[in-house]
């Protein structure tokens, strides 16, 4: 099974928690959070957050503004696009 980059796949519940925490952090501070900051906000381990962020990038919800730069993640899609459950 191949993975499609930037596909329109909705985030899983845990990915959505990370995505919402990311957006709230950016709204409050004006810049992207680190993996450690997201881990504190969500109560997940840093490794778990790192994996979820990678998955959100692959699904097209986040993107990297520049390679190898701190706080380089940006929101690619509006949270309004999340399906209501």
Protein backbone atom coordinates (compact mmCIF):
# COMPACT_ATOMS: atom_id res chain seq x y z
CA UNK A 1 0.00 0.00 0.00
CA UNK A 2 1.54 3.31 -1.02
CA UNK A 3 1.24 6.55 0.92
CA UNK A 4 0.03 9.68 -0.83
CA UNK A 5 1.73 12.91 0.17
CA UNK A 6 -0.70 15.75 0.79
CA UNK A 7 -3.75 13.55 0.49
CA UNK A 8 -7.09 14.66 1.88
CA UNK A 9 -7.03 12.12 4.68
CA UNK A 10 -8.49 13.43 7.93
CA UNK A 11 -6.25 13.30 10.98
CA UNK A 12 -6.75 10.56 13.55
CA UNK A 13 -8.09 11.65 16.95
CA UNK A 14 -4.57 11.84 18.44
CA UNK A 15 -3.26 13.69 15.39
CA UNK A 16 -6.13 16.14 15.74
CA UNK A 17 -5.16 16.78 19.38
CA UNK A 18 -1.61 17.60 18.26
CA UNK A 19 -2.87 19.76 15.38
CA UNK A 20 -5.24 21.75 17.60
CA UNK A 21 -2.50 22.24 20.22
CA UNK A 22 -0.19 23.45 17.44
CA UNK A 23 -2.74 26.00 16.21
CA UNK A 24 -3.53 27.25 19.73
CA UNK A 25 0.18 27.72 20.44
CA UNK A 26 0.73 29.68 17.21
CA UNK A 27 -2.33 31.82 17.93
CA UNK A 28 -1.02 32.65 21.42
CA UNK A 29 2.70 33.12 20.74
CA UNK A 30 2.92 33.92 17.04
CA UNK A 31 5.43 31.18 16.20
CA UNK A 32 5.46 27.40 15.92
CA UNK A 33 5.97 25.24 19.01
CA UNK A 34 8.84 22.80 19.49
CA UNK A 35 8.16 19.09 19.84
CA UNK A 36 8.79 19.44 23.57
CA UNK A 37 6.27 22.25 23.90
CA UNK A 38 3.67 20.22 22.01
CA UNK A 39 4.39 17.24 24.26
CA UNK A 40 3.73 19.35 27.36
CA UNK A 41 0.52 20.77 25.88
CA UNK A 42 -0.87 17.38 24.84
CA UNK A 43 0.48 15.11 27.58
CA UNK A 44 2.06 12.86 24.95
CA UNK A 45 5.71 11.80 24.82
CA UNK A 46 8.08 13.76 22.57
CA UNK A 47 8.56 10.67 20.39
CA UNK A 48 4.81 10.28 19.99
CA UNK A 49 4.41 13.96 19.11
CA UNK A 50 7.26 13.77 16.59
CA UNK A 51 5.57 10.81 14.88
CA UNK A 52 2.17 12.55 14.85
CA UNK A 53 3.68 15.73 13.39
CA UNK A 54 5.39 13.66 10.68
CA UNK A 55 2.03 12.04 9.89
CA UNK A 56 0.28 15.44 9.77
CA UNK A 57 2.92 16.69 7.31
CA UNK A 58 2.43 13.58 5.17
CA UNK A 59 -1.36 14.09 5.22
CA UNK A 60 -1.01 17.74 4.19
CA UNK A 61 -2.21 19.39 7.43
CA UNK A 62 1.21 20.88 8.28
CA UNK A 63 4.18 21.76 6.09
CA UNK A 64 7.81 22.63 6.64
CA UNK A 65 8.58 26.23 5.61
CA UNK A 66 12.32 25.54 5.37
CA UNK A 67 14.52 22.47 5.87
CA UNK A 68 16.61 22.15 9.03
CA UNK A 69 15.30 25.35 10.62
CA UNK A 70 13.88 25.60 14.15
CA UNK A 71 10.15 26.21 14.41
CA UNK A 72 9.70 25.80 10.66
CA UNK A 73 6.29 24.09 10.68
CA UNK A 74 3.24 25.92 9.39
CA UNK A 75 -0.45 25.04 9.18
CA UNK A 76 -1.33 24.07 5.63
CA UNK A 77 -5.08 23.68 6.01
CA UNK A 78 -7.78 25.34 8.08
CA UNK A 79 -9.16 23.50 11.08
CA UNK A 80 -12.55 24.30 9.58
CA UNK A 81 -11.85 21.47 7.14
CA UNK A 82 -11.96 18.89 9.93
CA UNK A 83 -15.02 16.68 9.70
CA UNK A 84 -17.50 17.00 12.52
CA UNK A 85 -17.88 13.72 14.37
